[in-house]
C-alpha atoms as a PDB file:
ATOM      1  CA  UNK A   1     145.553  65.032 155.144  1.00  0.00           C
ATOM      2  CA  UNK A   2     144.284  61.605 154.063  1.00  0.00           C
ATOM      3  CA  UNK A   3     141.749  61.588 151.266  1.00  0.00           C
ATOM      4  CA  UNK A   4     138.169  61.090 152.451  1.00  0.00           C
ATOM      5  CA  UNK A   5     137.013  57.530 151.807  1.00  0.00           C
ATOM      6  CA  UNK A   6     134.414  57.240 149.059  1.00  0.00           C
ATOM      7  CA  UNK A   7     131.052  55.861 150.145  1.00  0.00           C
ATOM      8  CA  UNK A   8     128.807  53.834 147.863  1.00  0.00           C
ATOM      9  CA  UNK A   9     125.208  54.708 147.039  1.00  0.00           C
ATOM     10  CA  UNK A  10     123.108  51.546 146.912  1.00  0.00           C
ATOM     11  CA  UNK A  11     119.755  52.048 145.185  1.00  0.00           C
ATOM     12  CA  UNK A  12     116.889  49.563 145.360  1.00  0.00           C
ATOM     13  CA  UNK A  13     114.510  49.698 142.381  1.00  0.00           C
ATOM     14  CA  UNK A  14     111.789  47.680 144.033  1.00  0.00           C
ATOM     15  CA  UNK A  15     109.230  46.868 141.313  1.00  0.00           C
ATOM     16  CA  UNK A  16     109.642  48.702 137.977  1.00  0.00           C
ATOM     17  CA  UNK A  17     107.317  48.039 135.056  1.00  0.00           C
ATOM     18  CA  UNK A  18     109.031  45.221 133.154  1.00  0.00           C
ATOM     19  CA  UNK A  19     108.409  42.043 135.124  1.00  0.00           C
ATOM     20  CA  UNK A  20     104.911  40.712 135.745  1.00  0.00           C
ATOM     21  CA  UNK A  21     103.382  38.776 138.664  1.00  0.00           C
ATOM     22  CA  UNK A  22     103.518  35.476 136.759  1.00  0.00           C
ATOM     23  CA  UNK A  23     107.316  35.690 136.722  1.00  0.00           C
ATOM     24  CA  UNK A  24     107.685  35.854 140.503  1.00  0.00           C
ATOM     25  CA  UNK A  25     105.227  35.598 143.404  1.00  0.00           C
ATOM     26  CA  UNK A  26     107.510  37.996 145.282  1.00  0.00           C
ATOM     27  CA  UNK A  27     107.150  40.968 142.902  1.00  0.00           C
ATOM     28  CA  UNK A  28     105.820  43.915 144.960  1.00  0.00           C
ATOM     29  CA  UNK A  29     102.419  45.170 143.810  1.00  0.00           C
ATOM     30  CA  UNK A  30      99.909  47.713 145.074  1.00  0.00           C
ATOM     31  CA  UNK A  31     100.416  50.536 147.558  1.00  0.00           C
ATOM     32  CA  UNK A  32     101.068  48.265 150.529  1.00  0.00           C
ATOM     33  CA  UNK A  33     103.384  45.849 148.732  1.00  0.00           C
ATOM     34  CA  UNK A  34     105.534  48.466 147.005  1.00  0.00           C
ATOM     35  CA  UNK A  35     105.871  50.812 149.964  1.00  0.00           C
ATOM     36  CA  UNK A  36     106.747  47.992 152.367  1.00  0.00           C
ATOM     37  CA  UNK A  37     109.310  46.594 149.918  1.00  0.00           C
ATOM     38  CA  UNK A  38     110.982  50.015 149.796  1.00  0.00           C
ATOM     39  CA  UNK A  39     110.965  50.406 153.585  1.00  0.00           C
ATOM     40  CA  UNK A  40     112.446  46.934 154.034  1.00  0.00           C
ATOM     41  CA  UNK A  41     115.134  47.623 151.409  1.00  0.00           C
ATOM     42  CA  UNK A  42     116.084  50.827 153.223  1.00  0.00           C
ATOM     43  CA  UNK A  43     116.283  48.957 156.521  1.00  0.00           C
ATOM     44  CA  UNK A  44     118.569  46.431 154.824  1.00  0.00           C
ATOM     45  CA  UNK A  45     120.989  49.213 153.870  1.00  0.00           C
ATOM     46  CA  UNK A  46     119.769  50.913 150.699  1.00  0.00           C
ATOM     47  CA  UNK A  47     120.691  54.593 150.469  1.00  0.00           C
ATOM     48  CA  UNK A  48     117.941  55.304 147.942  1.00  0.00           C
ATOM     49  CA  UNK A  49     114.829  53.641 146.517  1.00  0.00           C
ATOM     50  CA  UNK A  50     113.458  54.030 142.994  1.00  0.00           C
ATOM     51  CA  UNK A  51     109.681  53.855 142.684  1.00  0.00           C
ATOM     52  CA  UNK A  52     107.167  52.877 140.012  1.00  0.00           C
ATOM     53  CA  UNK A  53     103.463  52.430 140.802  1.00  0.00           C
ATOM     54  CA  UNK A  54     101.417  49.295 140.182  1.00  0.00           C
ATOM     55  CA  UNK A  55      97.826  48.327 140.818  1.00  0.00           C
ATOM     56  CA  UNK A  56      97.060  45.470 143.215  1.00  0.00           C
ATOM     57  CA  UNK A  57      97.064  43.051 140.254  1.00  0.00           C
ATOM     58  CA  UNK A  58     100.551  44.203 139.304  1.00  0.00           C
ATOM     59  CA  UNK A  59      99.584  46.249 136.260  1.00  0.00           C
ATOM     60  CA  UNK A  60     101.775  49.379 135.939  1.00  0.00           C
ATOM     61  CA  UNK A  61      99.834  52.585 136.485  1.00  0.00           C
ATOM     62  CA  UNK A  62     100.405  56.313 136.059  1.00  0.00           C
ATOM     63  CA  UNK A  63      97.688  57.125 138.614  1.00  0.00           C
ATOM     64  CA  UNK A  64      99.066  59.963 140.730  1.00  0.00           C
ATOM     65  CA  UNK A  65      96.969  59.136 143.779  1.00  0.00           C
ATOM     66  CA  UNK A  66      98.408  55.617 143.853  1.00  0.00           C
ATOM     67  CA  UNK A  67     101.933  56.973 143.506  1.00  0.00           C
ATOM     68  CA  UNK A  68     101.276  59.563 146.211  1.00  0.00           C
ATOM     69  CA  UNK A  69     100.120  56.940 148.694  1.00  0.00           C
ATOM     70  CA  UNK A  70     103.248  54.874 148.045  1.00  0.00           C
ATOM     71  CA  UNK A  71     105.588  57.850 148.457  1.00  0.00           C
ATOM     72  CA  UNK A  72     103.908  59.131 151.612  1.00  0.00           C
ATOM     73  CA  UNK A  73     103.997  55.760 153.321  1.00  0.00           C
ATOM     74  CA  UNK A  74     107.700  55.307 152.580  1.00  0.00           C
ATOM     75  CA  UNK A  75     108.538  58.796 153.822  1.00  0.00           C
ATOM     76  CA  UNK A  76     106.572  58.264 157.033  1.00  0.00           C
ATOM     77  CA  UNK A  77     108.605  55.160 157.837  1.00  0.00           C
ATOM     78  CA  UNK A  78     112.105  55.862 156.497  1.00  0.00           C
ATOM     79  CA  UNK A  79     114.589  58.652 155.818  1.00  0.00           C
ATOM     80  CA  UNK A  80     115.752  56.912 152.605  1.00  0.00           C
ATOM     81  CA  UNK A  81     116.042  59.052 149.452  1.00  0.00           C
ATOM     82  CA  UNK A  82     112.893  58.417 147.418  1.00  0.00           C
ATOM     83  CA  UNK A  83     113.459  58.650 143.678  1.00  0.00           C
ATOM     84  CA  UNK A  84     110.565  58.311 141.262  1.00  0.00           C
ATOM     85  CA  UNK A  85     110.262  57.242 137.663  1.00  0.00           C
ATOM     86  CA  UNK A  86     109.619  59.333 134.592  1.00  0.00           C
ATOM     87  CA  UNK A  87     109.931  56.129 132.570  1.00  0.00           C
ATOM     88  CA  UNK A  88     106.606  54.844 133.830  1.00  0.00           C
ATOM     89  CA  UNK A  89     105.694  51.872 131.672  1.00  0.00           C
ATOM     90  CA  UNK A  90     105.727  51.049 127.985  1.00  0.00           C
ATOM     91  CA  UNK A  91     102.679  52.576 126.321  1.00  0.00           C
ATOM     92  CA  UNK A  92     102.310  55.538 128.663  1.00  0.00           C
ATOM     93  CA  UNK A  93     102.463  58.963 127.031  1.00  0.00           C
ATOM     94  CA  UNK A  94     105.337  61.335 127.730  1.00  0.00           C
ATOM     95  CA  UNK A  95     102.896  63.618 129.556  1.00  0.00           C
ATOM     96  CA  UNK A  96     101.744  60.765 131.818  1.00  0.00           C
ATOM     97  CA  UNK A  97     105.314  59.846 132.641  1.00  0.00           C
ATOM     98  CA  UNK A  98     106.335  63.403 133.545  1.00  0.00           C
ATOM     99  CA  UNK A  99     103.236  64.342 135.551  1.00  0.00           C
ATOM    100  CA  UNK A 100     104.682  63.080 138.820  1.00  0.00           C
ATOM    101  CA  UNK A 101     107.465  65.697 138.832  1.00  0.00           C
ATOM    102  CA  UNK A 102     105.408  68.887 139.356  1.00  0.00           C
ATOM    103  CA  UNK A 103     102.954  66.985 141.568  1.00  0.00           C
ATOM    104  CA  UNK A 104     105.434  65.454 144.031  1.00  0.00           C
ATOM    105  CA  UNK A 105     108.618  67.521 143.560  1.00  0.00           C
ATOM    106  CA  UNK A 106     110.889  64.612 144.557  1.00  0.00           C
ATOM    107  CA  UNK A 107     114.541  64.894 145.549  1.00  0.00           C
ATOM    108  CA  UNK A 108     115.579  62.871 142.504  1.00  0.00           C
ATOM    109  CA  UNK A 109     113.858  61.286 139.507  1.00  0.00           C
ATOM    110  CA  UNK A 110     114.874  59.225 136.513  1.00  0.00           C
ATOM    111  CA  UNK A 111     115.564  61.104 133.287  1.00  0.00           C
ATOM    112  CA  UNK A 112     115.391  59.132 130.050  1.00  0.00           C
ATOM    113  CA  UNK A 113     118.335  60.106 127.867  1.00  0.00           C
ATOM    114  CA  UNK A 114     116.865  59.228 124.485  1.00  0.00           C
ATOM    115  CA  UNK A 115     114.340  57.094 122.646  1.00  0.00           C
ATOM    116  CA  UNK A 116     114.602  53.295 122.712  1.00  0.00           C
ATOM    117  CA  UNK A 117     112.864  50.418 120.916  1.00  0.00           C
ATOM    118  CA  UNK A 118     112.122  48.940 124.338  1.00  0.00           C
ATOM    119  CA  UNK A 119     111.022  45.394 123.442  1.00  0.00           C
ATOM    120  CA  UNK A 120     109.759  43.058 126.178  1.00  0.00           C
ATOM    121  CA  UNK A 121     107.862  40.714 123.846  1.00  0.00           C
ATOM    122  CA  UNK A 122     110.388  37.921 124.331  1.00  0.00           C
ATOM    123  CA  UNK A 123     109.440  37.667 128.001  1.00  0.00           C
ATOM    124  CA  UNK A 124     105.882  36.636 127.145  1.00  0.00           C
ATOM    125  CA  UNK A 125     106.852  33.089 126.146  1.00  0.00           C
ATOM    126  CA  UNK A 126     107.745  32.109 129.709  1.00  0.00           C
ATOM    127  CA  UNK A 127     104.277  32.944 131.073  1.00  0.00           C
ATOM    128  CA  UNK A 128     101.978  32.616 128.044  1.00  0.00           C
ATOM    129  CA  UNK A 129     100.685  29.143 128.923  1.00  0.00           C
ATOM    130  CA  UNK A 130      99.417  30.099 132.369  1.00  0.00           C
ATOM    131  CA  UNK A 131      99.511  33.832 133.173  1.00  0.00           C
ATOM    132  CA  UNK A 132      98.294  34.956 136.579  1.00  0.00           C
ATOM    133  CA  UNK A 133      96.436  37.957 135.110  1.00  0.00           C
ATOM    134  CA  UNK A 134      94.903  38.599 131.695  1.00  0.00           C
ATOM    135  CA  UNK A 135      96.778  41.880 131.171  1.00  0.00           C
ATOM    136  CA  UNK A 136     100.295  40.403 131.318  1.00  0.00           C
ATOM    137  CA  UNK A 137     100.806  38.717 127.933  1.00  0.00           C
ATOM    138  CA  UNK A 138      99.181  41.491 125.820  1.00  0.00           C
ATOM    139  CA  UNK A 139     101.218  44.076 127.733  1.00  0.00           C
ATOM    140  CA  UNK A 140     104.504  42.318 127.009  1.00  0.00           C
ATOM    141  CA  UNK A 141     103.728  41.455 123.382  1.00  0.00           C
ATOM    142  CA  UNK A 142     102.517  44.980 122.680  1.00  0.00           C
ATOM    143  CA  UNK A 143     105.962  46.411 123.334  1.00  0.00           C
ATOM    144  CA  UNK A 144     107.215  44.970 120.025  1.00  0.00           C
ATOM    145  CA  UNK A 145     105.343  47.774 118.230  1.00  0.00           C
ATOM    146  CA  UNK A 146     106.284  50.510 120.672  1.00  0.00           C
ATOM    147  CA  UNK A 147     108.944  53.216 120.733  1.00  0.00           C
ATOM    148  CA  UNK A 148     109.884  54.508 124.180  1.00  0.00           C
ATOM    149  CA  UNK A 149     109.804  58.137 123.059  1.00  0.00           C
ATOM    150  CA  UNK A 150     112.188  60.711 124.501  1.00  0.00           C
ATOM    151  CA  UNK A 151     112.860  63.376 121.851  1.00  0.00           C
ATOM    152  CA  UNK A 152     115.089  66.381 122.484  1.00  0.00           C
ATOM    153  CA  UNK A 153     111.940  68.458 122.956  1.00  0.00           C
ATOM    154  CA  UNK A 154     110.708  65.921 125.525  1.00  0.00           C
ATOM    155  CA  UNK A 155     114.053  65.934 127.313  1.00  0.00           C
ATOM    156  CA  UNK A 156     114.204  69.729 127.464  1.00  0.00           C
ATOM    157  CA  UNK A 157     110.667  69.845 128.853  1.00  0.00           C
ATOM    158  CA  UNK A 158     111.561  67.265 131.476  1.00  0.00           C
ATOM    159  CA  UNK A 159     114.668  69.217 132.500  1.00  0.00           C
ATOM    160  CA  UNK A 160     112.599  72.381 132.843  1.00  0.00           C
ATOM    161  CA  UNK A 161     110.118  70.550 135.075  1.00  0.00           C
ATOM    162  CA  UNK A 162     112.885  69.100 137.224  1.00  0.00           C
ATOM    163  CA  UNK A 163     114.653  72.444 137.630  1.00  0.00           C
ATOM    164  CA  UNK A 164     111.360  74.079 138.602  1.00  0.00           C
ATOM    165  CA  UNK A 165     110.689  71.327 141.161  1.00  0.00           C
ATOM    166  CA  UNK A 166     114.240  71.302 142.523  1.00  0.00           C
ATOM    167  CA  UNK A 167     114.582  67.660 141.461  1.00  0.00           C
ATOM    168  CA  UNK A 168     117.955  66.108 140.572  1.00  0.00           C
ATOM    169  CA  UNK A 169     117.826  64.274 137.206  1.00  0.00           C
ATOM    170  CA  UNK A 170     119.152  60.721 137.243  1.00  0.00           C
ATOM    171  CA  UNK A 171     120.278  60.264 133.644  1.00  0.00           C
ATOM    172  CA  UNK A 172     119.302  56.761 132.568  1.00  0.00           C
ATOM    173  CA  UNK A 173     121.477  55.760 129.615  1.00  0.00           C
ATOM    174  CA  UNK A 174     120.377  52.776 127.517  1.00  0.00           C
ATOM    175  CA  UNK A 175     122.818  53.126 124.618  1.00  0.00           C
ATOM    176  CA  UNK A 176     126.106  54.775 123.677  1.00  0.00           C
ATOM    177  CA  UNK A 177     124.624  57.624 121.640  1.00  0.00           C
ATOM    178  CA  UNK A 178     122.589  58.764 124.611  1.00  0.00           C
ATOM    179  CA  UNK A 179     125.785  59.885 126.323  1.00  0.00           C
ATOM    180  CA  UNK A 180     126.117  62.412 123.511  1.00  0.00           C
ATOM    181  CA  UNK A 181     122.510  63.527 124.030  1.00  0.00           C
ATOM    182  CA  UNK A 182     123.318  64.462 127.621  1.00  0.00           C
ATOM    183  CA  UNK A 183     126.610  66.068 126.600  1.00  0.00           C
ATOM    184  CA  UNK A 184     124.726  68.233 124.090  1.00  0.00           C
ATOM    185  CA  UNK A 185     122.147  69.337 126.670  1.00  0.00           C
ATOM    186  CA  UNK A 186     124.956  70.053 129.141  1.00  0.00           C
ATOM    187  CA  UNK A 187     126.800  72.207 126.599  1.00  0.00           C
ATOM    188  CA  UNK A 188     123.581  74.147 126.044  1.00  0.00           C
ATOM    189  CA  UNK A 189     123.564  75.033 129.731  1.00  0.00           C
ATOM    190  CA  UNK A 190     120.421  73.021 130.471  1.00  0.00           C
ATOM    191  CA  UNK A 191     121.972  70.631 132.998  1.00  0.00           C
ATOM    192  CA  UNK A 192     123.297  71.553 136.400  1.00  0.00           C
ATOM    193  CA  UNK A 193     126.289  69.907 138.049  1.00  0.00           C
ATOM    194  CA  UNK A 194     127.035  67.449 139.502  1.00  0.00           C
ATOM    195  CA  UNK A 195     125.473  65.017 137.049  1.00  0.00           C
ATOM    196  CA  UNK A 196     124.264  61.575 138.091  1.00  0.00           C
ATOM    197  CA  UNK A 197     124.230  58.787 135.491  1.00  0.00           C
ATOM    198  CA  UNK A 198     122.478  55.437 135.759  1.00  0.00           C
ATOM    199  CA  UNK A 199     123.818  53.067 133.097  1.00  0.00           C
ATOM    200  CA  UNK A 200     121.125  50.622 131.913  1.00  0.00           C
ATOM    201  CA  UNK A 201     122.676  48.053 129.546  1.00  0.00           C
ATOM    202  CA  UNK A 202     121.022  44.770 128.655  1.00  0.00           C
ATOM    203  CA  UNK A 203     117.606  46.063 127.568  1.00  0.00           C
ATOM    204  CA  UNK A 204     116.381  44.728 124.224  1.00  0.00           C
ATOM    205  CA  UNK A 205     116.671  47.767 121.969  1.00  0.00           C
ATOM    206  CA  UNK A 206     119.671  49.126 123.862  1.00  0.00           C
ATOM    207  CA  UNK A 207     123.313  48.190 124.312  1.00  0.00           C
ATOM    208  CA  UNK A 208     124.195  44.655 125.515  1.00  0.00           C
ATOM    209  CA  UNK A 209     125.396  44.161 129.073  1.00  0.00           C
ATOM    210  CA  UNK A 210     129.125  43.440 128.856  1.00  0.00           C
ATOM    211  CA  UNK A 211     132.192  44.510 130.790  1.00  0.00           C
ATOM    212  CA  UNK A 212     133.514  46.259 127.680  1.00  0.00           C
ATOM    213  CA  UNK A 213     130.368  48.339 127.291  1.00  0.00           C
ATOM    214  CA  UNK A 214     130.395  49.331 130.956  1.00  0.00           C
ATOM    215  CA  UNK A 215     134.021  50.442 130.557  1.00  0.00           C
ATOM    216  CA  UNK A 216     133.011  52.541 127.542  1.00  0.00           C
ATOM    217  CA  UNK A 217     130.279  54.276 129.531  1.00  0.00           C
ATOM    218  CA  UNK A 218     132.575  54.933 132.479  1.00  0.00           C
ATOM    219  CA  UNK A 219     135.517  56.178 130.421  1.00  0.00           C
ATOM    220  CA  UNK A 220     133.368  58.647 128.482  1.00  0.00           C
ATOM    221  CA  UNK A 221     131.658  60.054 131.563  1.00  0.00           C
ATOM    222  CA  UNK A 222     135.003  60.502 133.317  1.00  0.00           C
ATOM    223  CA  UNK A 223     136.530  62.136 130.225  1.00  0.00           C
ATOM    224  CA  UNK A 224     133.579  64.481 129.677  1.00  0.00           C
ATOM    225  CA  UNK A 225     132.840  65.526 133.266  1.00  0.00           C
ATOM    226  CA  UNK A 226     135.694  64.470 135.557  1.00  0.00           C
ATOM    227  CA  UNK A 227     134.703  64.898 139.194  1.00  0.00           C
ATOM    228  CA  UNK A 228     131.528  66.778 138.182  1.00  0.00           C
ATOM    229  CA  UNK A 229     129.613  63.532 137.621  1.00  0.00           C
ATOM    230  CA  UNK A 230     128.785  60.366 139.533  1.00  0.00           C
ATOM    231  CA  UNK A 231     127.515  57.140 138.036  1.00  0.00           C
ATOM    232  CA  UNK A 232     125.767  53.912 138.915  1.00  0.00           C
ATOM    233  CA  UNK A 233     124.782  50.781 137.034  1.00  0.00           C
ATOM    234  CA  UNK A 234     121.699  48.623 136.559  1.00  0.00           C
ATOM    235  CA  UNK A 235     122.155  44.957 135.650  1.00  0.00           C
ATOM    236  CA  UNK A 236     119.432  42.419 134.961  1.00  0.00           C
ATOM    237  CA  UNK A 237     119.210  38.654 134.879  1.00  0.00           C
ATOM    238  CA  UNK A 238     120.811  35.931 136.963  1.00  0.00           C
ATOM    239  CA  UNK A 239     124.344  37.322 136.946  1.00  0.00           C
ATOM    240  CA  UNK A 240     123.563  40.918 137.784  1.00  0.00           C
ATOM    241  CA  UNK A 241     125.622  41.195 140.954  1.00  0.00           C
ATOM    242  CA  UNK A 242     129.003  40.791 139.243  1.00  0.00           C
ATOM    243  CA  UNK A 243     128.340  43.707 136.868  1.00  0.00           C
ATOM    244  CA  UNK A 244     126.982  45.962 139.610  1.00  0.00           C
ATOM    245  CA  UNK A 245     130.073  45.235 141.695  1.00  0.00           C
ATOM    246  CA  UNK A 246     132.253  46.082 138.701  1.00  0.00           C
ATOM    247  CA  UNK A 247     130.577  49.496 138.569  1.00  0.00           C
ATOM    248  CA  UNK A 248     131.661  50.150 142.154  1.00  0.00           C
ATOM    249  CA  UNK A 249     135.226  48.991 141.532  1.00  0.00           C
ATOM    250  CA  UNK A 250     135.416  51.389 138.561  1.00  0.00           C
ATOM    251  CA  UNK A 251     134.478  54.304 140.808  1.00  0.00           C
ATOM    252  CA  UNK A 252     130.698  54.238 140.707  1.00  0.00           C
ATOM    253  CA  UNK A 253     127.664  53.072 142.622  1.00  0.00           C
ATOM    254  CA  UNK A 254     125.126  50.278 142.151  1.00  0.00           C
ATOM    255  CA  UNK A 255     121.414  49.591 141.792  1.00  0.00           C
ATOM    256  CA  UNK A 256     119.689  46.336 142.669  1.00  0.00           C
ATOM    257  CA  UNK A 257     116.045  45.344 142.979  1.00  0.00           C
ATOM    258  CA  UNK A 258     113.215  43.467 141.329  1.00  0.00           C
ATOM    259  CA  UNK A 259     112.734  46.103 138.654  1.00  0.00           C
ATOM    260  CA  UNK A 260     115.956  44.837 137.131  1.00  0.00           C
ATOM    261  CA  UNK A 261     116.400  41.249 138.320  1.00  0.00           C
ATOM    262  CA  UNK A 262     114.115  38.738 140.018  1.00  0.00           C
ATOM    263  CA  UNK A 263     117.005  36.494 141.050  1.00  0.00           C
ATOM    264  CA  UNK A 264     119.378  36.115 143.975  1.00  0.00           C
ATOM    265  CA  UNK A 265     122.001  33.889 142.315  1.00  0.00           C
ATOM    266  CA  UNK A 266     123.185  32.555 138.927  1.00  0.00           C
ATOM    267  CA  UNK A 267     121.341  29.275 139.503  1.00  0.00           C
ATOM    268  CA  UNK A 268     118.031  31.054 138.931  1.00  0.00           C
ATOM    269  CA  UNK A 269     116.753  31.042 142.504  1.00  0.00           C
ATOM    270  CA  UNK A 270     114.143  33.780 142.885  1.00  0.00           C
ATOM    271  CA  UNK A 271     114.864  36.549 145.352  1.00  0.00           C
ATOM    272  CA  UNK A 272     112.203  36.517 148.060  1.00  0.00           C
ATOM    273  CA  UNK A 273     112.460  40.278 148.549  1.00  0.00           C
ATOM    274  CA  UNK A 274     114.290  43.401 147.498  1.00  0.00           C
ATOM    275  CA  UNK A 275     115.783  43.486 150.984  1.00  0.00           C
ATOM    276  CA  UNK A 276     117.433  40.123 150.315  1.00  0.00           C
ATOM    277  CA  UNK A 277     119.174  41.558 147.260  1.00  0.00           C
ATOM    278  CA  UNK A 278     120.267  44.638 149.217  1.00  0.00           C
ATOM    279  CA  UNK A 279     121.642  42.470 152.022  1.00  0.00           C
ATOM    280  CA  UNK A 280     123.664  40.490 149.485  1.00  0.00           C
ATOM    281  CA  UNK A 281     125.313  43.543 147.921  1.00  0.00           C
ATOM    282  CA  UNK A 282     125.942  45.146 151.309  1.00  0.00           C
ATOM    283  CA  UNK A 283     127.876  42.018 152.285  1.00  0.00           C
ATOM    284  CA  UNK A 284     129.768  42.003 148.977  1.00  0.00           C
ATOM    285  CA  UNK A 285     130.747  45.653 149.379  1.00  0.00           C
ATOM    286  CA  UNK A 286     131.777  45.247 153.006  1.00  0.00           C
ATOM    287  CA  UNK A 287     133.888  42.206 152.070  1.00  0.00           C
ATOM    288  CA  UNK A 288     135.606  44.415 149.472  1.00  0.00           C
ATOM    289  CA  UNK A 289     136.245  47.100 152.120  1.00  0.00           C
ATOM    290  CA  UNK A 290     133.696  49.596 150.781  1.00  0.00           C
ATOM    291  CA  UNK A 291     131.378  51.590 153.016  1.00  0.00           C
ATOM    292  CA  UNK A 292     127.721  52.171 152.168  1.00  0.00           C
ATOM    293  CA  UNK A 293     126.425  55.749 152.085  1.00  0.00           C
ATOM    294  CA  UNK A 294     123.639  56.570 154.502  1.00  0.00           C
ATOM    295  CA  UNK A 295     120.685  58.407 152.974  1.00  0.00           C
ATOM    296  CA  UNK A 296     122.026  61.733 154.249  1.00  0.00           C
ATOM    297  CA  UNK A 297     125.515  60.971 152.932  1.00  0.00           C
ATOM    298  CA  UNK A 298     123.967  60.124 149.556  1.00  0.00           C
ATOM    299  CA  UNK A 299     122.075  63.439 149.655  1.00  0.00           C
ATOM    300  CA  UNK A 300     125.398  65.223 150.131  1.00  0.00           C
ATOM    301  CA  UNK A 301     127.036  63.329 147.263  1.00  0.00           C
ATOM    302  CA  UNK A 302     124.158  63.976 144.849  1.00  0.00           C
ATOM    303  CA  UNK A 303     123.378  67.442 146.236  1.00  0.00           C
ATOM    304  CA  UNK A 304     119.646  66.868 146.559  1.00  0.00           C
ATOM    305  CA  UNK A 305     117.421  69.437 148.241  1.00  0.00           C
ATOM    306  CA  UNK A 306     116.449  67.232 151.199  1.00  0.00           C
ATOM    307  CA  UNK A 307     113.392  65.239 152.234  1.00  0.00           C
ATOM    308  CA  UNK A 308     111.696  68.241 153.860  1.00  0.00           C
ATOM    309  CA  UNK A 309     111.296  69.991 150.487  1.00  0.00           C
ATOM    310  CA  UNK A 310     109.320  67.318 148.624  1.00  0.00           C
ATOM    311  CA  UNK A 311     105.572  67.528 148.053  1.00  0.00           C
ATOM    312  CA  UNK A 312     104.398  64.294 149.639  1.00  0.00           C
END
């Protein structure tokens, strides 16, 4: 019998908590903007969306009511897998970041695989002369003094919460040593299979985004877990699509969206929507003879509990 053709999970991370409104007029903000961006990305072909909450002025928020409105509106209008953040935004406490798990019991949520000196201060220079909102420059500059805390105690607590909620952890890996963090927790019997990794190179404070570093990530995950793990990749900046495509060619999946990159091409043209980025990668993958996973096919691959068992 012929081997079943692998299908690719395309995730759209539609807003995040890194970029600010001054950087792009197209950055989704508020309940309406974020939920519609996710629905449109799903209609463009995304298998899954990854959600952070923002106020109407674009400021990242941990307000659970705001998050709940976003999640409910997406679910009412799409069968896409809805993943939520436990990364939140720089400056939020660990407790704030994790609170959405027991409240919403999502199918999947990000899991931060270690602490990072997550420094966004360098982004402030591009908007400092004329920011759209007063909060933007202090927010970015303040990250220079911040540690994005994820101790082993924090990680174990987060795993407990996710197991209790029936939520699949999406292991976000910012640096090489964090692979060993997950391997340690797996050996302790705290992580269920299959594992799902999201490689996040290119963040200041983490590993640089290079082909060699992606190969290192992939080779170690394959050596440690074999067919008991799947992986995907995040790439930022103007040349993100080539790295995300490399992830697929190496046997993984890909994530696009304005959380990670505001651009649609290397020339620096701003993407007008998350859907535009999804449409671009769908075309790339089809041209390379790959098929995109539907939301239900992605649920089967990741072994999530299903959209009927979430709490929103």
